[in-house]
Amino acid sequence: FVLCLMVGNNLAFCLFLIFYNPFIYLAYLMCLGIDSFVCS
């Protein structure tokens, strides 16, 4: 989590999410898509 905020690298965070609960990772992807669309 700290790596995401301070370095801007979410790779380790996503590794945690997908192996902890892949359904949460899918929800994360959907929310990310919505955010990107709204900003665009």
All heavy atoms as atom14 arrays in JSON, in Angstrom:
{
  "sequence": "FVLCLMVGNNLAFCLFLIFYNPFIYLAYLMCLGIDSFVCS",
  "atom14_mask": [
    [1, 1, 1, 1, 1, 1, 1, 1, 1, 1, 1, 0, 0, 0],
    [1, 1, 1, 1, 1, 1, 1, 0, 0, 0, 0, 0, 0, 0],
    [1, 1, 1, 1, 1, 1, 1, 1, 0, 0, 0, 0, 0, 0],
    [1, 1, 1, 1, 1, 1, 0, 0, 0, 0, 0, 0, 0, 0],
    [1, 1, 1, 1, 1, 1, 1, 1, 0, 0, 0, 0, 0, 0],
    [1, 1, 1, 1, 1, 1, 1, 1, 0, 0, 0, 0, 0, 0],
    [1, 1, 1, 1, 1, 1, 1, 0, 0, 0, 0, 0, 0, 0],
    [1, 1, 1, 1, 0, 0, 0, 0, 0, 0, 0, 0, 0, 0],
    [1, 1, 1, 1, 1, 1, 1, 1, 0, 0, 0, 0, 0, 0],
    [1, 1, 1, 1, 1, 1, 1, 1, 0, 0, 0, 0, 0, 0],
    [1, 1, 1, 1, 1, 1, 1, 1, 0, 0, 0, 0, 0, 0],
    [1, 1, 1, 1, 1, 0, 0, 0, 0, 0, 0, 0, 0, 0],
    [1, 1, 1, 1, 1, 1, 1, 1, 1, 1, 1, 0, 0, 0],
    [1, 1, 1, 1, 1, 1, 0, 0, 0, 0, 0, 0, 0, 0],
    [1, 1, 1, 1, 1, 1, 1, 1, 0, 0, 0, 0, 0, 0],
    [1, 1, 1, 1, 1, 1, 1, 1, 1, 1, 1, 0, 0, 0],
    [1, 1, 1, 1, 1, 1, 1, 1, 0, 0, 0, 0, 0, 0],
    [1, 1, 1, 1, 1, 1, 1, 1, 0, 0, 0, 0, 0, 0],
    [1, 1, 1, 1, 1, 1, 1, 1, 1, 1, 1, 0, 0, 0],
    [1, 1, 1, 1, 1, 1, 1, 1, 1, 1, 1, 1, 0, 0],
    [1, 1, 1, 1, 1, 1, 1, 1, 0, 0, 0, 0, 0, 0],
    [1, 1, 1, 1, 1, 1, 1, 0, 0, 0, 0, 0, 0, 0],
    [1, 1, 1, 1, 1, 1, 1, 1, 1, 1, 1, 0, 0, 0],
    [1, 1, 1, 1, 1, 1, 1, 1, 0, 0, 0, 0, 0, 0],
    [1, 1, 1, 1, 1, 1, 1, 1, 1, 1, 1, 1, 0, 0],
    [1, 1, 1, 1, 1, 1, 1, 1, 0, 0, 0, 0, 0, 0],
    [1, 1, 1, 1, 1, 0, 0, 0, 0, 0, 0, 0, 0, 0],
    [1, 1, 1, 1, 1, 1, 1, 1, 1, 1, 1, 1, 0, 0],
    [1, 1, 1, 1, 1, 1, 1, 1, 0, 0, 0, 0, 0, 0],
    [1, 1, 1, 1, 1, 1, 1, 1, 0, 0, 0, 0, 0, 0],
    [1, 1, 1, 1, 1, 1, 0, 0, 0, 0, 0, 0, 0, 0],
    [1, 1, 1, 1, 1, 1, 1, 1, 0, 0, 0, 0, 0, 0],
    [1, 1, 1, 1, 0, 0, 0, 0, 0, 0, 0, 0, 0, 0],
    [1, 1, 1, 1, 1, 1, 1, 1, 0, 0, 0, 0, 0, 0],
    [1, 1, 1, 1, 1, 1, 1, 1, 0, 0, 0, 0, 0, 0],
    [1, 1, 1, 1, 1, 1, 0, 0, 0, 0, 0, 0, 0, 0],
    [1, 1, 1, 1, 1, 1, 1, 1, 1, 1, 1, 0, 0, 0],
    [1, 1, 1, 1, 1, 1, 1, 0, 0, 0, 0, 0, 0, 0],
    [1, 1, 1, 1, 1, 1, 0, 0, 0, 0, 0, 0, 0, 0],
    [1, 1, 1, 1, 1, 1, 0, 0, 0, 0, 0, 0, 0, 0]
  ],
  "atom14_positions": [
    [[0.83, -1.21, 0.0], [0.0, 0.0, 0.0], [0.87, 1.26, 0.0], [0.63, 2.2, -0.78], [-0.93, -0.01, 1.22], [-1.7, 1.26, 1.41], [-2.68, 1.64, 0.52], [-1.44, 2.08, 2.5], [-3.4, 2.81, 0.7], [-2.14, 3.26, 2.69], [-3.13, 3.63, 1.79], [0.0, 0.0, 0.0], [0.0, 0.0, 0.0], [0.0, 0.0, 0.0]],
    [[1.88, 1.29, 0.85], [2.78, 2.44, 0.91], [3.51, 2.62, -0.42], [3.72, 3.74, -0.89], [3.78, 2.29, 2.07], [4.85, 3.37, 2.02], [3.04, 2.34, 3.41], [0.0, 0.0, 0.0], [0.0, 0.0, 0.0], [0.0, 0.0, 0.0], [0.0, 0.0, 0.0], [0.0, 0.0, 0.0], [0.0, 0.0, 0.0], [0.0, 0.0, 0.0]],
    [[3.88, 1.5, -1.03], [4.55, 1.55, -2.34], [3.65, 2.22, -3.38], [4.12, 3.02, -4.19], [4.92, 0.13, -2.78], [5.72, 0.02, -4.08], [7.15, 0.5, -3.87], [5.72, -1.42, -4.58], [0.0, 0.0, 0.0], [0.0, 0.0, 0.0], [0.0, 0.0, 0.0], [0.0, 0.0, 0.0], [0.0, 0.0, 0.0], [0.0, 0.0, 0.0]],
    [[2.35, 1.89, -3.37], [1.41, 2.52, -4.29], [1.42, 4.03, -4.14], [1.52, 4.77, -5.12], [-0.01, 2.0, -4.03], [-0.42, 0.46, -4.82], [0.0, 0.0, 0.0], [0.0, 0.0, 0.0], [0.0, 0.0, 0.0], [0.0, 0.0, 0.0], [0.0, 0.0, 0.0], [0.0, 0.0, 0.0], [0.0, 0.0, 0.0], [0.0, 0.0, 0.0]],
    [[1.29, 4.48, -2.9], [1.16, 5.91, -2.65], [2.45, 6.67, -2.95], [2.44, 7.7, -3.64], [0.77, 6.15, -1.19], [-0.6, 5.67, -0.73], [-0.81, 6.04, 0.73], [-1.71, 6.26, -1.58], [0.0, 0.0, 0.0], [0.0, 0.0, 0.0], [0.0, 0.0, 0.0], [0.0, 0.0, 0.0], [0.0, 0.0, 0.0], [0.0, 0.0, 0.0]],
    [[3.56, 6.18, -2.44], [4.8, 6.95, -2.45], [5.63, 6.77, -3.72], [6.37, 7.67, -4.11], [5.66, 6.59, -1.22], [4.95, 6.84, 0.1], [4.41, 8.57, 0.21], [3.46, 8.53, 1.73], [0.0, 0.0, 0.0], [0.0, 0.0, 0.0], [0.0, 0.0, 0.0], [0.0, 0.0, 0.0], [0.0, 0.0, 0.0], [0.0, 0.0, 0.0]],
    [[5.52, 5.63, -4.33], [6.33, 5.36, -5.52], [5.47, 5.34, -6.79], [5.96, 5.57, -7.88], [7.1, 4.02, -5.36], [7.86, 3.66, -6.62], [8.05, 4.12, -4.18], [0.0, 0.0, 0.0], [0.0, 0.0, 0.0], [0.0, 0.0, 0.0], [0.0, 0.0, 0.0], [0.0, 0.0, 0.0], [0.0, 0.0, 0.0], [0.0, 0.0, 0.0]],
    [[4.17, 5.1, -6.64], [3.31, 5.04, -7.81], [3.43, 3.73, -8.55], [3.24, 3.68, -9.77], [0.0, 0.0, 0.0], [0.0, 0.0, 0.0], [0.0, 0.0, 0.0], [0.0, 0.0, 0.0], [0.0, 0.0, 0.0], [0.0, 0.0, 0.0], [0.0, 0.0, 0.0], [0.0, 0.0, 0.0], [0.0, 0.0, 0.0], [0.0, 0.0, 0.0]],
    [[3.71, 2.66, -7.83], [3.83, 1.32, -8.43], [2.86, 0.4, -7.7], [3.03, 0.11, -6.53], [5.26, 0.81, -8.29], [5.48, -0.5, -9.04], [4.67, -1.41, -8.99], [6.6, -0.58, -9.74], [0.0, 0.0, 0.0], [0.0, 0.0, 0.0], [0.0, 0.0, 0.0], [0.0, 0.0, 0.0], [0.0, 0.0, 0.0], [0.0, 0.0, 0.0]],
    [[1.81, -0.05, -8.4], [0.79, -0.87, -7.76], [0.97, -2.36, -8.03], [0.06, -3.16, -7.76], [-0.6, -0.43, -8.22], [-0.9, -0.83, -9.66], [0.02, -0.99, -10.47], [-2.17, -0.97, -9.99], [0.0, 0.0, 0.0], [0.0, 0.0, 0.0], [0.0, 0.0, 0.0], [0.0, 0.0, 0.0], [0.0, 0.0, 0.0], [0.0, 0.0, 0.0]],
    [[2.14, -2.76, -8.54], [2.35, -4.15, -8.92], [2.24, -5.08, -7.71], [1.53, -6.09, -7.75], [3.73, -4.29, -9.58], [4.04, -5.65, -10.21], [2.99, -6.03, -11.23], [5.42, -5.61, -10.86], [0.0, 0.0, 0.0], [0.0, 0.0, 0.0], [0.0, 0.0, 0.0], [0.0, 0.0, 0.0], [0.0, 0.0, 0.0], [0.0, 0.0, 0.0]],
    [[2.94, -4.75, -6.62], [2.89, -5.59, -5.42], [1.49, -5.6, -4.82], [1.01, -6.63, -4.34], [3.92, -5.11, -4.4], [0.0, 0.0, 0.0], [0.0, 0.0, 0.0], [0.0, 0.0, 0.0], [0.0, 0.0, 0.0], [0.0, 0.0, 0.0], [0.0, 0.0, 0.0], [0.0, 0.0, 0.0], [0.0, 0.0, 0.0], [0.0, 0.0, 0.0]],
    [[0.83, -4.45, -4.85], [-0.52, -4.36, -4.31], [-1.48, -5.24, -5.1], [-2.33, -5.93, -4.52], [-0.98, -2.9, -4.33], [-2.17, -2.61, -3.47], [-2.05, -2.63, -2.09], [-3.39, -2.3, -4.03], [-3.16, -2.35, -1.27], [-4.49, -2.02, -3.23], [-4.38, -2.05, -1.85], [0.0, 0.0, 0.0], [0.0, 0.0, 0.0], [0.0, 0.0, 0.0]],
    [[-1.35, -5.23, -6.43], [-2.21, -6.06, -7.27], [-1.89, -7.55, -7.1], [-2.79, -8.38, -7.16], [-2.07, -5.64, -8.74], [-2.86, -4.07, -9.12], [0.0, 0.0, 0.0], [0.0, 0.0, 0.0], [0.0, 0.0, 0.0], [0.0, 0.0, 0.0], [0.0, 0.0, 0.0], [0.0, 0.0, 0.0], [0.0, 0.0, 0.0], [0.0, 0.0, 0.0]],
    [[-0.6, -7.88, -6.91], [-0.26, -9.27, -6.61], [-0.96, -9.73, -5.33], [-1.49, -10.85, -5.27], [1.26, -9.42, -6.45], [2.09, -9.48, -7.73], [3.57, -9.36, -7.4], [1.82, -10.78, -8.5], [0.0, 0.0, 0.0], [0.0, 0.0, 0.0], [0.0, 0.0, 0.0], [0.0, 0.0, 0.0], [0.0, 0.0, 0.0], [0.0, 0.0, 0.0]],
    [[-0.95, -8.85, -4.33], [-1.65, -9.2, -3.09], [-3.14, -9.4, -3.35], [-3.73, -10.4, -2.91], [-1.45, -8.1, -2.04], [-2.16, -8.37, -0.75], [-1.55, -9.1, 0.25], [-3.46, -7.92, -0.55], [-2.21, -9.37, 1.44], [-4.14, -8.18, 0.63], [-3.51, -8.91, 1.63], [0.0, 0.0, 0.0], [0.0, 0.0, 0.0], [0.0, 0.0, 0.0]],
    [[-3.76, -8.47, -4.06], [-5.2, -8.55, -4.29], [-5.61, -9.8, -5.04], [-6.56, -10.49, -4.66], [-5.68, -7.31, -5.07], [-5.68, -5.97, -4.35], [-6.16, -4.87, -5.3], [-6.55, -6.02, -3.11], [0.0, 0.0, 0.0], [0.0, 0.0, 0.0], [0.0, 0.0, 0.0], [0.0, 0.0, 0.0], [0.0, 0.0, 0.0], [0.0, 0.0, 0.0]],
    [[-4.9, -10.11, -6.11], [-5.33, -11.21, -6.97], [-5.17, -12.56, -6.28], [-5.94, -13.49, -6.51], [-4.61, -11.18, -8.34], [-5.4, -12.01, -9.36], [-3.18, -11.68, -8.21], [-4.94, -11.82, -10.78], [0.0, 0.0, 0.0], [0.0, 0.0, 0.0], [0.0, 0.0, 0.0], [0.0, 0.0, 0.0], [0.0, 0.0, 0.0], [0.0, 0.0, 0.0]],
    [[-4.17, -12.67, -5.38], [-4.01, -13.94, -4.68], [-4.78, -13.97, -3.36], [-5.07, -15.05, -2.85], [-2.52, -14.22, -4.43], [-1.78, -14.6, -5.68], [-0.8, -13.77, -6.19], [-2.08, -15.76, -6.35], [-0.12, -14.11, -7.35], [-1.42, -16.11, -7.51], [-0.42, -15.28, -8.02], [0.0, 0.0, 0.0], [0.0, 0.0, 0.0], [0.0, 0.0, 0.0]],
    [[-5.14, -12.81, -2.83], [-5.97, -12.78, -1.64], [-7.43, -13.04, -2.01], [-8.12, -13.86, -1.39], [-5.85, -11.42, -0.94], [-6.75, -11.3, 0.28], [-6.42, -11.95, 1.47], [-7.92, -10.54, 0.22], [-7.26, -11.85, 2.58], [-8.75, -10.44, 1.32], [-8.42, -11.09, 2.5], [-9.25, -11.0, 3.59], [0.0, 0.0, 0.0], [0.0, 0.0, 0.0]],
    [[-7.91, -12.33, -3.04], [-9.27, -12.52, -3.49], [-9.4, -11.97, -4.9], [-9.51, -10.76, -5.08], [-10.26, -11.81, -2.56], [-11.7, -12.2, -2.82], [-12.11, -12.35, -3.97], [-12.48, -12.37, -1.77], [0.0, 0.0, 0.0], [0.0, 0.0, 0.0], [0.0, 0.0, 0.0], [0.0, 0.0, 0.0], [0.0, 0.0, 0.0], [0.0, 0.0, 0.0]],
    [[-9.39, -12.82, -5.93], [-9.43, -12.33, -7.32], [-10.69, -11.55, -7.64], [-10.69, -10.71, -8.54], [-9.34, -13.61, -8.16], [-9.72, -14.72, -7.22], [-9.28, -14.28, -5.86], [0.0, 0.0, 0.0], [0.0, 0.0, 0.0], [0.0, 0.0, 0.0], [0.0, 0.0, 0.0], [0.0, 0.0, 0.0], [0.0, 0.0, 0.0], [0.0, 0.0, 0.0]],
    [[-11.78, -11.79, -6.89], [-13.02, -11.04, -7.15], [-12.85, -9.58, -6.73], [-13.41, -8.68, -7.36], [-14.18, -11.68, -6.38], [-14.48, -13.09, -6.82], [-14.13, -14.16, -6.02], [-15.08, -13.34, -8.03], [-14.39, -15.46, -6.41], [-15.35, -14.63, -8.45], [-15.0, -15.69, -7.63], [0.0, 0.0, 0.0], [0.0, 0.0, 0.0], [0.0, 0.0, 0.0]],
    [[-12.08, -9.34, -5.67], [-11.79, -7.96, -5.27], [-10.93, -7.3, -6.34], [-11.11, -6.11, -6.66], [-11.09, -7.92, -3.9], [-12.07, -8.33, -2.8], [-10.54, -6.52, -3.61], [-11.48, -8.32, -1.41], [0.0, 0.0, 0.0], [0.0, 0.0, 0.0], [0.0, 0.0, 0.0], [0.0, 0.0, 0.0], [0.0, 0.0, 0.0], [0.0, 0.0, 0.0]],
    [[-9.99, -8.05, -6.91], [-9.15, -7.48, -7.97], [-10.0, -7.11, -9.19], [-9.79, -6.07, -9.83], [-8.06, -8.47, -8.37], [-7.17, -7.96, -9.47], [-6.32, -6.88, -9.25], [-7.2, -8.53, -10.74], [-5.52, -6.38, -10.27], [-6.39, -8.05, -11.76], [-5.55, -6.97, -11.52], [-4.77, -6.49, -12.52], [0.0, 0.0, 0.0], [0.0, 0.0, 0.0]],
    [[-10.99, -7.95, -9.53], [-11.87, -7.63, -10.66], [-12.69, -6.36, -10.36], [-12.88, -5.53, -11.26], [-12.81, -8.81, -10.94], [-12.15, -10.07, -11.49], [-13.18, -11.19, -11.64], [-11.48, -9.79, -12.84], [0.0, 0.0, 0.0], [0.0, 0.0, 0.0], [0.0, 0.0, 0.0], [0.0, 0.0, 0.0], [0.0, 0.0, 0.0], [0.0, 0.0, 0.0]],
    [[-13.15, -6.23, -9.12], [-13.87, -5.01, -8.74], [-12.96, -3.79, -8.83], [-13.38, -2.7, -9.25], [-14.42, -5.16, -7.31], [0.0, 0.0, 0.0], [0.0, 0.0, 0.0], [0.0, 0.0, 0.0], [0.0, 0.0, 0.0], [0.0, 0.0, 0.0], [0.0, 0.0, 0.0], [0.0, 0.0, 0.0], [0.0, 0.0, 0.0], [0.0, 0.0, 0.0]],
    [[-11.71, -3.97, -8.45], [-10.7, -2.91, -8.55], [-10.52, -2.46, -10.0], [-10.47, -1.26, -10.3], [-9.4, -3.45, -7.97], [-8.16, -2.62, -8.15], [-7.89, -1.54, -7.32], [-7.22, -2.93, -9.12], [-6.73, -0.79, -7.46], [-6.06, -2.2, -9.27], [-5.82, -1.13, -8.44], [-4.67, -0.41, -8.59], [0.0, 0.0, 0.0], [0.0, 0.0, 0.0]],
    [[-10.44, -3.42, -10.92], [-10.3, -3.09, -12.35], [-11.51, -2.32, -12.86], [-11.37, -1.35, -13.61], [-10.11, -4.37, -13.16], [-8.79, -5.12, -13.02], [-8.79, -6.36, -13.92], [-7.61, -4.22, -13.37], [0.0, 0.0, 0.0], [0.0, 0.0, 0.0], [0.0, 0.0, 0.0], [0.0, 0.0, 0.0], [0.0, 0.0, 0.0], [0.0, 0.0, 0.0]],
    [[-12.7, -2.73, -12.46], [-13.91, -2.05, -12.92], [-13.97, -0.61, -12.39], [-14.29, 0.32, -13.14], [-15.16, -2.83, -12.46], [-15.33, -4.17, -13.14], [-15.39, -4.06, -14.95], [-16.85, -3.05, -15.17], [0.0, 0.0, 0.0], [0.0, 0.0, 0.0], [0.0, 0.0, 0.0], [0.0, 0.0, 0.0], [0.0, 0.0, 0.0], [0.0, 0.0, 0.0]],
    [[-13.63, -0.44, -11.13], [-13.62, 0.93, -10.56], [-12.56, 1.79, -11.25], [-12.8, 2.98, -11.51], [-13.34, 0.86, -9.06], [-14.7, 0.18, -8.07], [0.0, 0.0, 0.0], [0.0, 0.0, 0.0], [0.0, 0.0, 0.0], [0.0, 0.0, 0.0], [0.0, 0.0, 0.0], [0.0, 0.0, 0.0], [0.0, 0.0, 0.0], [0.0, 0.0, 0.0]],
    [[-11.43, 1.2, -11.56], [-10.37, 1.92, -12.26], [-10.84, 2.36, -13.65], [-10.58, 3.5, -14.08], [-9.13, 1.05, -12.38], [-7.96, 1.59, -13.2], [-7.51, 2.95, -12.66], [-6.81, 0.61, -13.22], [0.0, 0.0, 0.0], [0.0, 0.0, 0.0], [0.0, 0.0, 0.0], [0.0, 0.0, 0.0], [0.0, 0.0, 0.0], [0.0, 0.0, 0.0]],
    [[-11.53, 1.47, -14.35], [-12.05, 1.82, -15.67], [-13.05, 2.97, -15.6], [-13.02, 3.88, -16.42], [0.0, 0.0, 0.0], [0.0, 0.0, 0.0], [0.0, 0.0, 0.0], [0.0, 0.0, 0.0], [0.0, 0.0, 0.0], [0.0, 0.0, 0.0], [0.0, 0.0, 0.0], [0.0, 0.0, 0.0], [0.0, 0.0, 0.0], [0.0, 0.0, 0.0]],
    [[-13.93, 2.93, -14.61], [-14.92, 4.0, -14.43], [-14.23, 5.32, -14.13], [-14.56, 6.36, -14.72], [-15.91, 3.63, -13.3], [-16.76, 2.43, -13.71], [-16.79, 4.83, -12.95], [-17.59, 1.85, -12.58], [0.0, 0.0, 0.0], [0.0, 0.0, 0.0], [0.0, 0.0, 0.0], [0.0, 0.0, 0.0], [0.0, 0.0, 0.0], [0.0, 0.0, 0.0]],
    [[-13.25, 5.3, -13.23], [-12.52, 6.53, -12.89], [-11.83, 7.12, -14.11], [-11.86, 8.34, -14.33], [-11.49, 6.24, -11.8], [-12.14, 5.99, -10.45], [-13.24, 6.5, -10.23], [-11.54, 5.27, -9.64], [0.0, 0.0, 0.0], [0.0, 0.0, 0.0], [0.0, 0.0, 0.0], [0.0, 0.0, 0.0], [0.0, 0.0, 0.0], [0.0, 0.0, 0.0]],
    [[-11.17, 6.26, -14.88], [-10.45, 6.74, -16.06], [-11.41, 7.35, -17.07], [-11.11, 8.38, -17.7], [-9.68, 5.58, -16.68], [-8.73, 5.06, -15.79], [0.0, 0.0, 0.0], [0.0, 0.0, 0.0], [0.0, 0.0, 0.0], [0.0, 0.0, 0.0], [0.0, 0.0, 0.0], [0.0, 0.0, 0.0], [0.0, 0.0, 0.0], [0.0, 0.0, 0.0]],
    [[-12.56, 6.72, -17.24], [-13.55, 7.23, -18.18], [-14.07, 8.6, -17.74], [-14.2, 9.53, -18.55], [-14.71, 6.25, -18.3], [-15.87, 6.77, -19.11], [-15.77, 6.87, -20.49], [-17.04, 7.18, -18.48], [-16.84, 7.37, -21.24], [-18.1, 7.67, -19.22], [-18.0, 7.77, -20.6], [0.0, 0.0, 0.0], [0.0, 0.0, 0.0], [0.0, 0.0, 0.0]],
    [[-14.36, 8.75, -16.44], [-14.88, 10.02, -15.92], [-13.85, 11.13, -16.1], [-14.18, 12.24, -16.52], [-15.29, 9.88, -14.44], [-15.63, 11.24, -13.85], [-16.48, 8.94, -14.31], [0.0, 0.0, 0.0], [0.0, 0.0, 0.0], [0.0, 0.0, 0.0], [0.0, 0.0, 0.0], [0.0, 0.0, 0.0], [0.0, 0.0, 0.0], [0.0, 0.0, 0.0]],
    [[-12.58, 10.83, -15.8], [-11.53, 11.84, -15.96], [-11.37, 12.23, -17.42], [-11.12, 13.4, -17.74], [-10.21, 11.31, -15.41], [-10.12, 11.34, -13.62], [0.0, 0.0, 0.0], [0.0, 0.0, 0.0], [0.0, 0.0, 0.0], [0.0, 0.0, 0.0], [0.0, 0.0, 0.0], [0.0, 0.0, 0.0], [0.0, 0.0, 0.0], [0.0, 0.0, 0.0]],
    [[-11.5, 11.27, -18.31], [-11.43, 11.57, -19.74], [-12.62, 12.41, -20.17], [-12.48, 13.34, -20.97], [-11.38, 10.26, -20.54], [-11.46, 10.52, -21.91], [0.0, 0.0, 0.0], [0.0, 0.0, 0.0], [0.0, 0.0, 0.0], [0.0, 0.0, 0.0], [0.0, 0.0, 0.0], [0.0, 0.0, 0.0], [0.0, 0.0, 0.0], [0.0, 0.0, 0.0]]
  ]
}
